[in-house]
Amino acid sequence: MTLSNPLIIIALLFALLGLLLFFLTLRSWKKKKRFGAAFKFVSALLMFALAALFATICLAVQGYHALTKEELAAVVKVEPTGAQKFTARFVMADGSERLFPLAGDQLYVDAHILKWTPLANLFGLHTSYELDRVAGRYADLTDEATKTHTVYSLAKIRPLDMFALRQRFAFLNPLLDAEYGSATFINSNTPEEFKVMISTSGLLLRKSEKGNAQ
């Protein structure tokens, strides 16, 4: 979260306006201008509320990545370790690595996608995504219903999430054009390296050139 973020700049501007109006409120009160003081105080509260709103939205979308075209979200290397068991080593877009032991015949990955309205675009909010979960998936429905399930979170831990925030507060409706989940899966019975690709149309797993070369 940096000062180059338009949402932070807007939140700071509203906060500064709120502080200015608050000091003007105190001055009007000392001059016994009660009506003027009351008006400035209400205006200050409004500015602080708007500052809190934009700061909250900024915090809630942290971890989501701007999405303008098909992008590489992660590289994952699948390695079978036994019957219906495998590991998935993720190298995320930021370079961090995570290893997951999974059960099943297929690698499953899903993501959250947020599509903002043109109004929200003016505040620097554009279509964005965040990888959400990785899991093992069974090809057979009976296995899926009866065998061990393994699932892990890929999302970053943070105090607020835009998906949850959107469900709690209806006033965010005009800002979000669409919110949806996208999922993809692929067989995990042979050692392979895949690229987790994401676009505005959804998520997909594609064999990497390195994996094809092997």
N, C-alpha and C. Protein backbone atom coordinates (compact mmCIF):
# COMPACT_ATOMS: atom_id res chain seq x y z
N MET A 1 0.86 -1.18 0.00
CA MET A 1 0.00 0.00 0.00
C MET A 1 0.89 1.24 0.00
N THR A 2 0.89 2.01 -1.09
CA THR A 2 1.78 3.17 -1.21
C THR A 2 0.98 4.42 -1.50
N LEU A 3 1.67 5.57 -1.36
CA LEU A 3 1.01 6.85 -1.62
C LEU A 3 0.70 7.04 -3.09
N SER A 4 1.26 6.20 -3.97
CA SER A 4 0.94 6.30 -5.39
C SER A 4 -0.42 5.71 -5.70
N ASN A 5 -1.01 5.00 -4.74
CA ASN A 5 -2.33 4.42 -4.92
C ASN A 5 -3.37 5.53 -4.88
N PRO A 6 -4.18 5.69 -5.96
CA PRO A 6 -5.18 6.77 -5.99
C PRO A 6 -6.16 6.72 -4.82
N LEU A 7 -6.50 5.51 -4.36
CA LEU A 7 -7.43 5.40 -3.24
C LEU A 7 -6.86 5.99 -1.96
N ILE A 8 -5.56 5.76 -1.73
CA ILE A 8 -4.90 6.33 -0.54
C ILE A 8 -4.87 7.84 -0.63
N ILE A 9 -4.56 8.35 -1.82
CA ILE A 9 -4.50 9.81 -2.01
C ILE A 9 -5.87 10.44 -1.74
N ILE A 10 -6.93 9.81 -2.29
CA ILE A 10 -8.29 10.33 -2.08
C ILE A 10 -8.66 10.27 -0.60
N ALA A 11 -8.33 9.15 0.06
CA ALA A 11 -8.63 9.01 1.50
C ALA A 11 -7.91 10.09 2.31
N LEU A 12 -6.65 10.35 1.98
CA LEU A 12 -5.89 11.38 2.69
C LEU A 12 -6.47 12.77 2.46
N LEU A 13 -6.91 13.04 1.22
CA LEU A 13 -7.51 14.35 0.92
C LEU A 13 -8.78 14.57 1.73
N PHE A 14 -9.63 13.53 1.79
CA PHE A 14 -10.86 13.66 2.59
C PHE A 14 -10.52 13.81 4.08
N ALA A 15 -9.50 13.10 4.54
CA ALA A 15 -9.10 13.21 5.95
C ALA A 15 -8.59 14.61 6.27
N LEU A 16 -7.80 15.18 5.36
CA LEU A 16 -7.30 16.55 5.55
C LEU A 16 -8.43 17.56 5.55
N LEU A 17 -9.38 17.38 4.63
CA LEU A 17 -10.55 18.26 4.60
C LEU A 17 -11.34 18.15 5.91
N GLY A 18 -11.45 16.90 6.41
CA GLY A 18 -12.14 16.69 7.67
C GLY A 18 -11.46 17.41 8.82
N LEU A 19 -10.12 17.32 8.87
CA LEU A 19 -9.37 18.02 9.92
C LEU A 19 -9.54 19.53 9.82
N LEU A 20 -9.48 20.04 8.59
CA LEU A 20 -9.65 21.48 8.38
C LEU A 20 -11.02 21.94 8.86
N LEU A 21 -12.05 21.19 8.49
CA LEU A 21 -13.40 21.55 8.90
C LEU A 21 -13.57 21.42 10.42
N PHE A 22 -12.88 20.45 11.01
CA PHE A 22 -12.96 20.28 12.47
C PHE A 22 -12.36 21.49 13.19
N PHE A 23 -11.22 21.98 12.71
CA PHE A 23 -10.60 23.17 13.32
C PHE A 23 -11.46 24.41 13.09
N LEU A 24 -12.10 24.48 11.91
CA LEU A 24 -13.01 25.59 11.64
C LEU A 24 -14.23 25.52 12.56
N THR A 25 -14.64 24.28 12.88
CA THR A 25 -15.75 24.09 13.82
C THR A 25 -15.40 24.67 15.19
N LEU A 26 -14.20 24.36 15.66
CA LEU A 26 -13.76 24.88 16.97
C LEU A 26 -13.69 26.40 16.97
N ARG A 27 -13.21 26.97 15.87
CA ARG A 27 -13.10 28.42 15.79
C ARG A 27 -14.49 29.07 15.80
N SER A 28 -15.41 28.48 15.03
CA SER A 28 -16.78 29.03 15.00
C SER A 28 -17.45 28.90 16.36
N TRP A 29 -17.16 27.79 17.05
CA TRP A 29 -17.76 27.59 18.37
C TRP A 29 -17.25 28.63 19.37
N LYS A 30 -15.96 28.93 19.31
CA LYS A 30 -15.39 29.94 20.21
C LYS A 30 -15.96 31.32 19.93
N LYS A 31 -16.33 31.56 18.68
CA LYS A 31 -16.92 32.85 18.31
C LYS A 31 -18.43 32.85 18.52
N LYS A 32 -18.91 31.74 19.14
CA LYS A 32 -20.34 31.58 19.45
C LYS A 32 -21.22 31.56 18.21
N LYS A 33 -20.66 31.12 17.10
CA LYS A 33 -21.45 30.93 15.88
C LYS A 33 -21.92 29.48 15.85
N ARG A 34 -22.97 29.21 16.62
CA ARG A 34 -23.41 27.83 16.85
C ARG A 34 -23.87 27.14 15.57
N PHE A 35 -24.65 27.83 14.75
CA PHE A 35 -25.16 27.20 13.52
C PHE A 35 -24.01 26.87 12.58
N GLY A 36 -23.11 27.83 12.41
CA GLY A 36 -21.95 27.61 11.54
C GLY A 36 -21.07 26.48 12.06
N ALA A 37 -20.91 26.43 13.38
CA ALA A 37 -20.11 25.37 13.98
C ALA A 37 -20.75 24.00 13.75
N ALA A 38 -22.08 23.94 13.90
CA ALA A 38 -22.79 22.67 13.70
C ALA A 38 -22.67 22.20 12.25
N PHE A 39 -22.82 23.14 11.31
CA PHE A 39 -22.71 22.79 9.88
C PHE A 39 -21.31 22.27 9.55
N LYS A 40 -20.29 22.96 10.06
CA LYS A 40 -18.91 22.55 9.79
C LYS A 40 -18.60 21.20 10.45
N PHE A 41 -19.18 20.97 11.63
CA PHE A 41 -18.94 19.71 12.33
C PHE A 41 -19.53 18.53 11.55
N VAL A 42 -20.76 18.71 11.05
CA VAL A 42 -21.39 17.66 10.24
C VAL A 42 -20.59 17.41 8.96
N SER A 43 -20.12 18.50 8.35
CA SER A 43 -19.31 18.37 7.13
C SER A 43 -18.00 17.64 7.43
N ALA A 44 -17.40 17.93 8.59
CA ALA A 44 -16.16 17.24 8.99
C ALA A 44 -16.41 15.75 9.16
N LEU A 45 -17.53 15.41 9.80
CA LEU A 45 -17.87 13.99 9.98
C LEU A 45 -18.04 13.30 8.63
N LEU A 46 -18.67 14.00 7.67
CA LEU A 46 -18.86 13.43 6.34
C LEU A 46 -17.51 13.18 5.67
N MET A 47 -16.60 14.15 5.78
CA MET A 47 -15.26 13.99 5.18
C MET A 47 -14.51 12.81 5.81
N PHE A 48 -14.61 12.68 7.14
CA PHE A 48 -13.94 11.57 7.82
C PHE A 48 -14.56 10.23 7.39
N ALA A 49 -15.89 10.22 7.20
CA ALA A 49 -16.56 8.99 6.77
C ALA A 49 -16.10 8.58 5.37
N LEU A 50 -15.99 9.57 4.47
CA LEU A 50 -15.52 9.28 3.11
C LEU A 50 -14.06 8.82 3.12
N ALA A 51 -13.25 9.43 3.98
CA ALA A 51 -11.85 9.00 4.10
C ALA A 51 -11.79 7.55 4.57
N ALA A 52 -12.62 7.21 5.55
CA ALA A 52 -12.65 5.84 6.07
C ALA A 52 -13.12 4.87 5.00
N LEU A 53 -14.11 5.29 4.19
CA LEU A 53 -14.63 4.43 3.12
C LEU A 53 -13.54 4.09 2.11
N PHE A 54 -12.83 5.11 1.61
CA PHE A 54 -11.81 4.86 0.60
C PHE A 54 -10.62 4.09 1.19
N ALA A 55 -10.29 4.35 2.44
CA ALA A 55 -9.21 3.59 3.09
C ALA A 55 -9.61 2.13 3.26
N THR A 56 -10.88 1.90 3.59
CA THR A 56 -11.37 0.53 3.75
C THR A 56 -11.34 -0.23 2.43
N ILE A 57 -11.80 0.42 1.35
CA ILE A 57 -11.77 -0.21 0.03
C ILE A 57 -10.34 -0.53 -0.38
N CYS A 58 -9.44 0.40 -0.12
CA CYS A 58 -8.03 0.19 -0.46
C CYS A 58 -7.47 -1.01 0.28
N LEU A 59 -7.80 -1.12 1.56
CA LEU A 59 -7.34 -2.24 2.37
C LEU A 59 -7.95 -3.55 1.89
N ALA A 60 -9.23 -3.50 1.49
CA ALA A 60 -9.94 -4.71 1.09
C ALA A 60 -9.45 -5.28 -0.23
N VAL A 61 -8.90 -4.44 -1.11
CA VAL A 61 -8.44 -4.94 -2.41
C VAL A 61 -6.95 -5.24 -2.42
N GLN A 62 -6.28 -5.07 -1.27
CA GLN A 62 -4.86 -5.44 -1.20
C GLN A 62 -4.72 -6.93 -1.48
N GLY A 63 -3.77 -7.31 -2.31
CA GLY A 63 -3.59 -8.71 -2.67
C GLY A 63 -4.20 -9.04 -4.01
N TYR A 64 -5.15 -8.23 -4.46
CA TYR A 64 -5.70 -8.40 -5.80
C TYR A 64 -4.76 -7.74 -6.80
N HIS A 65 -4.62 -8.34 -7.97
CA HIS A 65 -3.71 -7.84 -8.99
C HIS A 65 -4.50 -7.28 -10.16
N ALA A 66 -4.06 -6.15 -10.70
CA ALA A 66 -4.73 -5.55 -11.85
C ALA A 66 -4.71 -6.52 -13.02
N LEU A 67 -5.83 -6.61 -13.73
CA LEU A 67 -5.96 -7.56 -14.82
C LEU A 67 -6.44 -6.84 -16.06
N THR A 68 -5.59 -6.73 -17.07
CA THR A 68 -5.95 -6.05 -18.31
C THR A 68 -5.90 -6.98 -19.51
N LYS A 69 -5.18 -8.08 -19.39
CA LYS A 69 -5.06 -9.07 -20.48
C LYS A 69 -4.75 -10.40 -19.83
N GLU A 70 -4.47 -11.44 -20.64
CA GLU A 70 -4.08 -12.72 -20.05
C GLU A 70 -2.74 -12.56 -19.34
N GLU A 71 -2.70 -12.93 -18.07
CA GLU A 71 -1.50 -12.74 -17.27
C GLU A 71 -1.10 -14.03 -16.57
N LEU A 72 0.18 -14.12 -16.26
CA LEU A 72 0.71 -15.26 -15.51
C LEU A 72 0.48 -15.01 -14.02
N ALA A 73 -0.32 -15.87 -13.39
CA ALA A 73 -0.59 -15.72 -11.96
C ALA A 73 0.38 -16.54 -11.12
N ALA A 74 0.84 -17.68 -11.66
CA ALA A 74 1.78 -18.53 -10.93
C ALA A 74 2.30 -19.62 -11.87
N VAL A 75 3.39 -20.23 -11.47
CA VAL A 75 3.90 -21.43 -12.13
C VAL A 75 3.82 -22.55 -11.11
N VAL A 76 3.28 -23.71 -11.51
CA VAL A 76 3.12 -24.81 -10.57
C VAL A 76 3.75 -26.07 -11.15
N LYS A 77 4.52 -26.74 -10.33
CA LYS A 77 5.15 -28.00 -10.72
C LYS A 77 4.48 -29.13 -9.97
N VAL A 78 3.91 -30.08 -10.73
CA VAL A 78 3.19 -31.22 -10.15
C VAL A 78 4.11 -32.44 -10.14
N GLU A 79 4.15 -33.12 -9.00
CA GLU A 79 5.00 -34.31 -8.85
C GLU A 79 4.21 -35.41 -8.15
N PRO A 80 3.85 -36.52 -8.87
CA PRO A 80 3.14 -37.62 -8.23
C PRO A 80 3.99 -38.24 -7.11
N THR A 81 3.35 -38.60 -6.00
CA THR A 81 4.06 -39.20 -4.87
C THR A 81 3.49 -40.56 -4.48
N GLY A 82 2.45 -41.00 -5.16
CA GLY A 82 1.83 -42.28 -4.87
C GLY A 82 0.50 -42.38 -5.58
N ALA A 83 -0.26 -43.44 -5.24
CA ALA A 83 -1.58 -43.61 -5.85
C ALA A 83 -2.50 -42.49 -5.40
N GLN A 84 -2.98 -41.71 -6.37
CA GLN A 84 -3.87 -40.58 -6.11
C GLN A 84 -3.28 -39.60 -5.07
N LYS A 85 -1.98 -39.43 -5.14
CA LYS A 85 -1.30 -38.46 -4.28
C LYS A 85 -0.24 -37.73 -5.09
N PHE A 86 -0.08 -36.44 -4.82
CA PHE A 86 0.93 -35.65 -5.53
C PHE A 86 1.23 -34.38 -4.75
N THR A 87 2.33 -33.74 -5.13
CA THR A 87 2.65 -32.44 -4.55
C THR A 87 2.53 -31.38 -5.64
N ALA A 88 2.20 -30.18 -5.24
CA ALA A 88 2.12 -29.04 -6.16
C ALA A 88 2.96 -27.91 -5.59
N ARG A 89 4.04 -27.57 -6.29
CA ARG A 89 4.91 -26.48 -5.84
C ARG A 89 4.58 -25.23 -6.65
N PHE A 90 4.08 -24.21 -5.97
CA PHE A 90 3.68 -22.96 -6.62
C PHE A 90 4.80 -21.93 -6.51
N VAL A 91 5.11 -21.30 -7.62
CA VAL A 91 5.95 -20.11 -7.62
C VAL A 91 5.03 -18.96 -8.02
N MET A 92 4.71 -18.09 -7.06
CA MET A 92 3.74 -17.04 -7.29
C MET A 92 4.35 -15.91 -8.13
N ALA A 93 3.49 -15.01 -8.58
CA ALA A 93 3.94 -13.90 -9.43
C ALA A 93 4.96 -13.01 -8.72
N ASP A 94 4.89 -12.96 -7.38
CA ASP A 94 5.84 -12.13 -6.62
C ASP A 94 7.14 -12.87 -6.29
N GLY A 95 7.27 -14.12 -6.78
CA GLY A 95 8.48 -14.89 -6.56
C GLY A 95 8.45 -15.81 -5.36
N SER A 96 7.44 -15.69 -4.51
CA SER A 96 7.34 -16.56 -3.33
C SER A 96 6.96 -17.98 -3.76
N GLU A 97 7.38 -18.96 -2.96
CA GLU A 97 7.12 -20.37 -3.27
C GLU A 97 6.33 -21.03 -2.14
N ARG A 98 5.44 -21.95 -2.54
CA ARG A 98 4.67 -22.71 -1.56
C ARG A 98 4.51 -24.14 -2.07
N LEU A 99 4.58 -25.10 -1.17
CA LEU A 99 4.47 -26.51 -1.53
C LEU A 99 3.25 -27.11 -0.84
N PHE A 100 2.42 -27.82 -1.62
CA PHE A 100 1.19 -28.40 -1.07
C PHE A 100 1.13 -29.89 -1.36
N PRO A 101 0.94 -30.74 -0.32
CA PRO A 101 0.68 -32.17 -0.55
C PRO A 101 -0.82 -32.36 -0.81
N LEU A 102 -1.17 -32.99 -1.91
CA LEU A 102 -2.57 -33.09 -2.31
C LEU A 102 -2.96 -34.53 -2.60
N ALA A 103 -4.24 -34.82 -2.45
CA ALA A 103 -4.79 -36.14 -2.76
C ALA A 103 -5.80 -36.00 -3.88
N GLY A 104 -5.73 -36.93 -4.85
CA GLY A 104 -6.67 -36.89 -5.97
C GLY A 104 -5.98 -37.24 -7.28
N ASP A 105 -6.73 -37.13 -8.36
CA ASP A 105 -6.21 -37.42 -9.70
C ASP A 105 -5.88 -36.15 -10.48
N GLN A 106 -6.34 -35.02 -9.96
CA GLN A 106 -6.21 -33.77 -10.71
C GLN A 106 -5.86 -32.60 -9.78
N LEU A 107 -5.16 -31.64 -10.33
CA LEU A 107 -4.86 -30.39 -9.63
C LEU A 107 -5.99 -29.40 -9.91
N TYR A 108 -6.53 -28.82 -8.85
CA TYR A 108 -7.64 -27.86 -8.97
C TYR A 108 -7.18 -26.52 -8.40
N VAL A 109 -7.44 -25.44 -9.14
CA VAL A 109 -7.09 -24.08 -8.68
C VAL A 109 -8.28 -23.17 -8.97
N ASP A 110 -8.61 -22.27 -8.03
CA ASP A 110 -9.65 -21.28 -8.32
C ASP A 110 -9.21 -19.88 -7.91
N ALA A 111 -9.97 -18.89 -8.34
CA ALA A 111 -9.59 -17.49 -8.13
C ALA A 111 -10.83 -16.63 -7.98
N HIS A 112 -10.67 -15.49 -7.32
CA HIS A 112 -11.68 -14.43 -7.27
C HIS A 112 -11.35 -13.40 -8.34
N ILE A 113 -12.37 -12.90 -9.03
CA ILE A 113 -12.18 -11.84 -10.02
C ILE A 113 -13.17 -10.72 -9.72
N LEU A 114 -12.67 -9.49 -9.65
CA LEU A 114 -13.50 -8.31 -9.40
C LEU A 114 -13.48 -7.43 -10.64
N LYS A 115 -14.64 -7.12 -11.16
CA LYS A 115 -14.74 -6.21 -12.31
C LYS A 115 -15.46 -4.95 -11.85
N TRP A 116 -14.78 -3.81 -11.97
CA TRP A 116 -15.30 -2.55 -11.46
C TRP A 116 -16.02 -1.75 -12.55
N THR A 117 -16.90 -0.85 -12.12
CA THR A 117 -17.63 0.01 -13.05
C THR A 117 -16.73 1.15 -13.52
N PRO A 118 -17.12 1.83 -14.61
CA PRO A 118 -16.35 3.00 -15.07
C PRO A 118 -16.18 4.06 -13.98
N LEU A 119 -17.19 4.20 -13.10
CA LEU A 119 -17.09 5.17 -12.00
C LEU A 119 -15.93 4.80 -11.08
N ALA A 120 -15.81 3.52 -10.75
CA ALA A 120 -14.72 3.06 -9.89
C ALA A 120 -13.38 3.18 -10.60
N ASN A 121 -13.38 3.03 -11.94
CA ASN A 121 -12.13 3.17 -12.70
C ASN A 121 -11.52 4.55 -12.49
N LEU A 122 -12.38 5.56 -12.31
CA LEU A 122 -11.89 6.93 -12.10
C LEU A 122 -11.07 7.03 -10.82
N PHE A 123 -11.35 6.14 -9.86
CA PHE A 123 -10.63 6.15 -8.59
C PHE A 123 -9.46 5.16 -8.59
N GLY A 124 -9.11 4.65 -9.78
CA GLY A 124 -7.96 3.75 -9.88
C GLY A 124 -8.28 2.28 -9.66
N LEU A 125 -9.56 1.92 -9.61
CA LEU A 125 -9.96 0.53 -9.44
C LEU A 125 -10.27 -0.09 -10.80
N HIS A 126 -9.54 -1.12 -11.17
CA HIS A 126 -9.74 -1.79 -12.45
C HIS A 126 -9.94 -3.28 -12.20
N THR A 127 -10.35 -4.01 -13.25
CA THR A 127 -10.55 -5.44 -13.12
C THR A 127 -9.32 -6.07 -12.47
N SER A 128 -9.54 -6.86 -11.43
CA SER A 128 -8.42 -7.43 -10.67
C SER A 128 -8.76 -8.85 -10.23
N TYR A 129 -7.73 -9.57 -9.81
CA TYR A 129 -7.93 -10.96 -9.42
C TYR A 129 -7.06 -11.33 -8.22
N GLU A 130 -7.42 -12.45 -7.60
CA GLU A 130 -6.58 -13.04 -6.56
C GLU A 130 -6.80 -14.55 -6.58
N LEU A 131 -5.71 -15.32 -6.64
CA LEU A 131 -5.82 -16.77 -6.51
C LEU A 131 -6.37 -17.08 -5.13
N ASP A 132 -7.33 -18.02 -5.06
CA ASP A 132 -8.01 -18.27 -3.79
C ASP A 132 -7.64 -19.61 -3.16
N ARG A 133 -7.82 -20.72 -3.92
CA ARG A 133 -7.59 -22.04 -3.34
C ARG A 133 -6.88 -22.97 -4.31
N VAL A 134 -6.19 -23.95 -3.73
CA VAL A 134 -5.65 -25.08 -4.49
C VAL A 134 -6.15 -26.34 -3.79
N ALA A 135 -6.49 -27.35 -4.58
CA ALA A 135 -7.04 -28.58 -4.00
C ALA A 135 -6.71 -29.77 -4.90
N GLY A 136 -6.87 -30.95 -4.33
CA GLY A 136 -6.81 -32.16 -5.12
C GLY A 136 -8.22 -32.53 -5.54
N ARG A 137 -8.38 -33.00 -6.77
CA ARG A 137 -9.70 -33.33 -7.30
C ARG A 137 -9.67 -34.76 -7.83
N TYR A 138 -10.72 -35.53 -7.51
CA TYR A 138 -10.81 -36.90 -8.00
C TYR A 138 -11.58 -36.93 -9.31
N ALA A 139 -11.11 -37.74 -10.26
CA ALA A 139 -11.78 -37.84 -11.55
C ALA A 139 -13.09 -38.60 -11.43
N ASP A 140 -13.13 -39.57 -10.52
CA ASP A 140 -14.33 -40.38 -10.33
C ASP A 140 -15.23 -39.75 -9.26
N LEU A 141 -16.51 -39.67 -9.56
CA LEU A 141 -17.45 -39.01 -8.65
C LEU A 141 -17.55 -39.74 -7.31
N THR A 142 -17.49 -41.07 -7.34
CA THR A 142 -17.55 -41.84 -6.09
C THR A 142 -16.35 -41.54 -5.21
N ASP A 143 -15.17 -41.48 -5.83
CA ASP A 143 -13.96 -41.11 -5.08
C ASP A 143 -14.10 -39.71 -4.49
N GLU A 144 -14.65 -38.81 -5.27
CA GLU A 144 -14.82 -37.42 -4.82
C GLU A 144 -15.72 -37.35 -3.60
N ALA A 145 -16.71 -38.25 -3.55
CA ALA A 145 -17.67 -38.22 -2.45
C ALA A 145 -17.18 -38.96 -1.21
N THR A 146 -16.23 -39.90 -1.38
CA THR A 146 -15.87 -40.76 -0.25
C THR A 146 -14.41 -40.63 0.22
N LYS A 147 -13.52 -40.21 -0.64
CA LYS A 147 -12.10 -40.20 -0.27
C LYS A 147 -11.66 -38.87 0.35
N THR A 148 -10.44 -38.89 0.87
CA THR A 148 -9.89 -37.72 1.58
C THR A 148 -9.81 -36.50 0.67
N HIS A 149 -10.25 -35.36 1.19
CA HIS A 149 -10.16 -34.10 0.47
C HIS A 149 -9.00 -33.27 1.03
N THR A 150 -8.24 -32.65 0.14
CA THR A 150 -7.15 -31.76 0.55
C THR A 150 -7.34 -30.42 -0.14
N VAL A 151 -7.37 -29.36 0.64
CA VAL A 151 -7.55 -28.02 0.07
C VAL A 151 -6.77 -27.02 0.91
N TYR A 152 -6.14 -26.04 0.24
CA TYR A 152 -5.34 -25.03 0.91
C TYR A 152 -5.66 -23.65 0.33
N SER A 153 -5.44 -22.65 1.15
CA SER A 153 -5.67 -21.27 0.70
C SER A 153 -4.44 -20.74 -0.02
N LEU A 154 -4.69 -20.04 -1.14
CA LEU A 154 -3.63 -19.32 -1.86
C LEU A 154 -3.72 -17.82 -1.61
N ALA A 155 -4.82 -17.40 -0.99
CA ALA A 155 -5.06 -15.97 -0.78
C ALA A 155 -4.20 -15.43 0.35
N LYS A 156 -3.88 -14.15 0.26
CA LYS A 156 -3.11 -13.50 1.31
C LYS A 156 -4.02 -13.22 2.50
N ILE A 157 -3.47 -13.37 3.69
CA ILE A 157 -4.23 -13.07 4.91
C ILE A 157 -4.23 -11.57 5.14
N ARG A 158 -5.41 -10.99 5.29
CA ARG A 158 -5.53 -9.56 5.55
C ARG A 158 -6.81 -9.31 6.34
N PRO A 159 -6.93 -8.18 7.02
CA PRO A 159 -8.09 -7.94 7.88
C PRO A 159 -9.40 -7.80 7.13
N LEU A 160 -9.34 -7.35 5.88
CA LEU A 160 -10.56 -7.15 5.09
C LEU A 160 -10.38 -7.75 3.71
N ASP A 161 -11.47 -8.28 3.16
CA ASP A 161 -11.46 -8.81 1.80
C ASP A 161 -12.63 -8.19 1.05
N MET A 162 -12.39 -7.81 -0.21
CA MET A 162 -13.41 -7.09 -0.96
C MET A 162 -14.64 -7.96 -1.21
N PHE A 163 -14.46 -9.27 -1.40
CA PHE A 163 -15.61 -10.15 -1.61
C PHE A 163 -16.52 -10.13 -0.39
N ALA A 164 -15.93 -10.26 0.80
CA ALA A 164 -16.71 -10.27 2.04
C ALA A 164 -17.32 -8.90 2.30
N LEU A 165 -16.54 -7.85 2.03
CA LEU A 165 -17.01 -6.48 2.26
C LEU A 165 -18.20 -6.16 1.37
N ARG A 166 -18.14 -6.61 0.13
CA ARG A 166 -19.21 -6.36 -0.84
C ARG A 166 -20.52 -7.00 -0.38
N GLN A 167 -20.44 -8.19 0.24
CA GLN A 167 -21.64 -8.88 0.69
C GLN A 167 -22.26 -8.21 1.91
N ARG A 168 -21.42 -7.54 2.71
CA ARG A 168 -21.91 -6.91 3.95
C ARG A 168 -22.50 -5.52 3.73
N PHE A 169 -21.95 -4.78 2.76
CA PHE A 169 -22.35 -3.39 2.60
C PHE A 169 -22.92 -3.12 1.20
N ALA A 170 -24.21 -2.83 1.16
CA ALA A 170 -24.89 -2.62 -0.11
C ALA A 170 -24.44 -1.35 -0.83
N PHE A 171 -23.87 -0.38 -0.09
CA PHE A 171 -23.50 0.89 -0.73
C PHE A 171 -22.33 0.71 -1.71
N LEU A 172 -21.68 -0.45 -1.68
CA LEU A 172 -20.60 -0.71 -2.63
C LEU A 172 -21.12 -1.21 -3.98
N ASN A 173 -22.43 -1.50 -4.05
CA ASN A 173 -23.02 -2.02 -5.30
C ASN A 173 -22.73 -1.17 -6.52
N PRO A 174 -22.84 0.17 -6.44
CA PRO A 174 -22.59 0.98 -7.65
C PRO A 174 -21.15 0.92 -8.14
N LEU A 175 -20.22 0.48 -7.30
CA LEU A 175 -18.81 0.46 -7.70
C LEU A 175 -18.41 -0.83 -8.41
N LEU A 176 -19.02 -1.95 -8.01
CA LEU A 176 -18.66 -3.24 -8.59
C LEU A 176 -19.60 -3.61 -9.72
N ASP A 177 -19.03 -3.85 -10.91
CA ASP A 177 -19.83 -4.27 -12.06
C ASP A 177 -20.13 -5.75 -11.97
N ALA A 178 -19.14 -6.54 -11.58
CA ALA A 178 -19.32 -7.99 -11.46
C ALA A 178 -18.26 -8.56 -10.52
N GLU A 179 -18.64 -9.61 -9.82
CA GLU A 179 -17.70 -10.35 -8.98
C GLU A 179 -18.00 -11.83 -9.20
N TYR A 180 -16.97 -12.59 -9.48
CA TYR A 180 -17.22 -13.99 -9.77
C TYR A 180 -15.98 -14.82 -9.48
N GLY A 181 -16.21 -16.12 -9.36
CA GLY A 181 -15.11 -17.04 -9.17
C GLY A 181 -14.86 -17.80 -10.46
N SER A 182 -13.62 -18.20 -10.65
CA SER A 182 -13.25 -19.00 -11.82
C SER A 182 -12.35 -20.13 -11.35
N ALA A 183 -12.54 -21.32 -11.93
CA ALA A 183 -11.76 -22.47 -11.51
C ALA A 183 -11.28 -23.26 -12.72
N THR A 184 -10.19 -24.01 -12.52
CA THR A 184 -9.66 -24.87 -13.57
C THR A 184 -8.99 -26.07 -12.92
N PHE A 185 -8.91 -27.18 -13.65
CA PHE A 185 -8.22 -28.36 -13.12
C PHE A 185 -7.57 -29.13 -14.27
N ILE A 186 -6.57 -29.95 -13.92
CA ILE A 186 -5.82 -30.70 -14.92
C ILE A 186 -5.26 -31.96 -14.27
N ASN A 187 -5.05 -33.01 -15.08
CA ASN A 187 -4.55 -34.27 -14.55
C ASN A 187 -3.19 -34.11 -13.88
N SER A 188 -2.98 -34.88 -12.82
CA SER A 188 -1.75 -34.76 -12.04
C SER A 188 -1.02 -36.10 -11.91
N ASN A 189 -1.25 -37.00 -12.88
CA ASN A 189 -0.67 -38.34 -12.78
C ASN A 189 0.75 -38.45 -13.33
N THR A 190 1.28 -37.38 -13.93
CA THR A 190 2.66 -37.38 -14.43
C THR A 190 3.35 -36.09 -13.99
N PRO A 191 4.67 -36.12 -13.84
CA PRO A 191 5.39 -34.90 -13.47
C PRO A 191 5.26 -33.85 -14.58
N GLU A 192 4.76 -32.70 -14.25
CA GLU A 192 4.56 -31.64 -15.25
C GLU A 192 4.74 -30.28 -14.59
N GLU A 193 5.03 -29.29 -15.42
CA GLU A 193 5.06 -27.91 -14.96
C GLU A 193 4.02 -27.12 -15.75
N PHE A 194 3.19 -26.38 -15.05
CA PHE A 194 2.10 -25.64 -15.67
C PHE A 194 2.19 -24.15 -15.34
N LYS A 195 1.65 -23.36 -16.24
CA LYS A 195 1.46 -21.94 -15.97
C LYS A 195 -0.01 -21.73 -15.60
N VAL A 196 -0.23 -21.07 -14.48
CA VAL A 196 -1.59 -20.69 -14.10
C VAL A 196 -1.84 -19.32 -14.73
N MET A 197 -2.68 -19.29 -15.76
CA MET A 197 -2.96 -18.07 -16.51
C MET A 197 -4.35 -17.56 -16.15
N ILE A 198 -4.50 -16.25 -16.15
CA ILE A 198 -5.80 -15.67 -15.84
C ILE A 198 -6.07 -14.48 -16.75
N SER A 199 -7.32 -14.37 -17.19
CA SER A 199 -7.74 -13.25 -18.02
C SER A 199 -9.13 -12.84 -17.56
N THR A 200 -9.72 -11.84 -18.19
CA THR A 200 -11.06 -11.41 -17.79
C THR A 200 -12.10 -12.49 -18.06
N SER A 201 -11.77 -13.47 -18.89
CA SER A 201 -12.71 -14.56 -19.17
C SER A 201 -12.55 -15.72 -18.20
N GLY A 202 -11.49 -15.71 -17.38
CA GLY A 202 -11.35 -16.76 -16.38
C GLY A 202 -9.94 -17.30 -16.24
N LEU A 203 -9.86 -18.44 -15.56
CA LEU A 203 -8.60 -19.06 -15.16
C LEU A 203 -8.33 -20.29 -16.03
N LEU A 204 -7.05 -20.57 -16.32
CA LEU A 204 -6.70 -21.78 -17.05
C LEU A 204 -5.30 -22.25 -16.66
N LEU A 205 -5.05 -23.55 -16.85
CA LEU A 205 -3.74 -24.15 -16.62
C LEU A 205 -3.16 -24.55 -17.97
N ARG A 206 -1.96 -24.10 -18.24
CA ARG A 206 -1.32 -24.38 -19.53
C ARG A 206 0.07 -24.97 -19.28
N LYS A 207 0.42 -26.04 -20.00
CA LYS A 207 1.75 -26.61 -19.85
C LYS A 207 2.79 -25.57 -20.22
N SER A 208 3.80 -25.44 -19.37
CA SER A 208 4.85 -24.47 -19.65
C SER A 208 5.80 -25.02 -20.70
N GLU A 209 6.53 -24.12 -21.36
CA GLU A 209 7.48 -24.55 -22.39
C GLU A 209 8.55 -25.42 -21.77
N LYS A 210 8.92 -25.11 -20.53
CA LYS A 210 9.91 -25.91 -19.83
C LYS A 210 9.39 -27.32 -19.60
N GLY A 211 8.09 -27.39 -19.23
CA GLY A 211 7.49 -28.70 -19.01
C GLY A 211 7.39 -29.50 -20.29
N ASN A 212 7.06 -28.83 -21.42
CA ASN A 212 6.96 -29.51 -22.70
C ASN A 212 8.32 -30.02 -23.15
N ALA A 213 9.37 -29.23 -22.85
CA ALA A 213 10.71 -29.63 -23.26
C ALA A 213 11.16 -30.89 -22.54
N GLN A 214 10.70 -31.05 -21.30
CA GLN A 214 11.04 -32.24 -20.54
C GLN A 214 10.27 -33.45 -21.03
